[in-house]
């Protein structure tokens, strides 16, 4: 099953390369298009790190679950 962080890992190169290529095709210079694509990729990374950050399960939630059985 594809999770949020799998999608983020896929979006980073898509944002960098795709936006840079699209901006180059519409006439923006490559030296201007690459930083814009990198800024968008940086925004995706920042969203994954700070807005939708992975959270550790608290001790109370861990004790509420029964232990896993390997059998």
Protein backbone atom coordinates (compact mmCIF):
# COMPACT_ATOMS: atom_id res chain seq x y z
CA UNK A 1 0.00 0.00 0.00
CA UNK A 2 1.37 3.38 -1.00
CA UNK A 3 1.57 5.77 1.92
CA UNK A 4 2.04 9.50 2.20
CA UNK A 5 5.81 9.33 2.50
CA UNK A 6 6.10 7.05 -0.53
CA UNK A 7 4.25 9.68 -2.54
CA UNK A 8 6.49 12.41 -1.16
CA UNK A 9 9.59 10.47 -2.22
CA UNK A 10 8.16 10.20 -5.72
CA UNK A 11 7.14 13.86 -5.89
CA UNK A 12 10.59 15.23 -5.09
CA UNK A 13 12.24 14.33 -8.42
CA UNK A 14 8.99 14.92 -10.31
CA UNK A 15 8.78 18.44 -8.92
CA UNK A 16 12.44 19.19 -9.57
CA UNK A 17 12.67 17.76 -13.07
CA UNK A 18 9.10 18.23 -14.24
CA UNK A 19 8.66 21.84 -13.20
CA UNK A 20 12.14 22.73 -14.46
CA UNK A 21 11.41 21.12 -17.83
CA UNK A 22 7.97 22.71 -18.11
CA UNK A 23 9.32 26.16 -17.33
CA UNK A 24 12.13 25.66 -19.84
CA UNK A 25 9.64 24.65 -22.51
CA UNK A 26 7.56 27.79 -22.01
CA UNK A 27 10.62 29.95 -22.53
CA UNK A 28 12.19 30.52 -19.13
CA UNK A 29 15.95 30.10 -19.05
CA UNK A 30 17.35 26.93 -17.53
CA UNK A 31 19.25 28.89 -14.89
CA UNK A 32 15.95 30.35 -13.68
CA UNK A 33 13.83 27.21 -14.09
CA UNK A 34 16.00 24.90 -11.98
CA UNK A 35 15.89 27.03 -8.80
CA UNK A 36 12.11 27.34 -9.11
CA UNK A 37 11.76 23.56 -9.45
CA UNK A 38 14.14 23.08 -6.52
CA UNK A 39 12.10 25.50 -4.40
CA UNK A 40 8.93 23.48 -5.08
CA UNK A 41 10.74 20.23 -4.25
CA UNK A 42 12.00 21.87 -1.06
CA UNK A 43 8.41 22.82 -0.23
CA UNK A 44 7.31 19.20 -0.63
CA UNK A 45 10.11 18.06 1.70
CA UNK A 46 9.26 20.79 4.21
CA UNK A 47 5.61 19.77 4.20
CA UNK A 48 6.54 16.16 4.89
CA UNK A 49 8.91 17.13 7.70
CA UNK A 50 7.05 19.89 9.51
CA UNK A 51 3.36 20.00 8.52
CA UNK A 52 2.63 16.29 8.27
CA UNK A 53 5.49 15.01 10.40
CA UNK A 54 5.64 11.37 11.40
CA UNK A 55 4.71 11.01 15.05
CA UNK A 56 5.88 8.45 17.54
CA UNK A 57 3.17 6.44 19.21
CA UNK A 58 2.79 7.48 22.81
CA UNK A 59 3.39 5.07 25.66
CA UNK A 60 -0.32 5.04 26.54
CA UNK A 61 -1.30 4.00 23.02
CA UNK A 62 1.36 1.29 22.98
CA UNK A 63 0.17 -0.22 26.26
CA UNK A 64 -3.43 -0.28 25.00
CA UNK A 65 -2.51 -2.60 22.14
CA UNK A 66 -1.98 -6.28 22.83
CA UNK A 67 1.53 -7.57 22.11
CA UNK A 68 2.19 -9.00 18.66
CA UNK A 69 2.28 -12.77 18.40
CA UNK A 70 4.67 -14.25 15.85
CA UNK A 71 2.72 -17.49 15.61
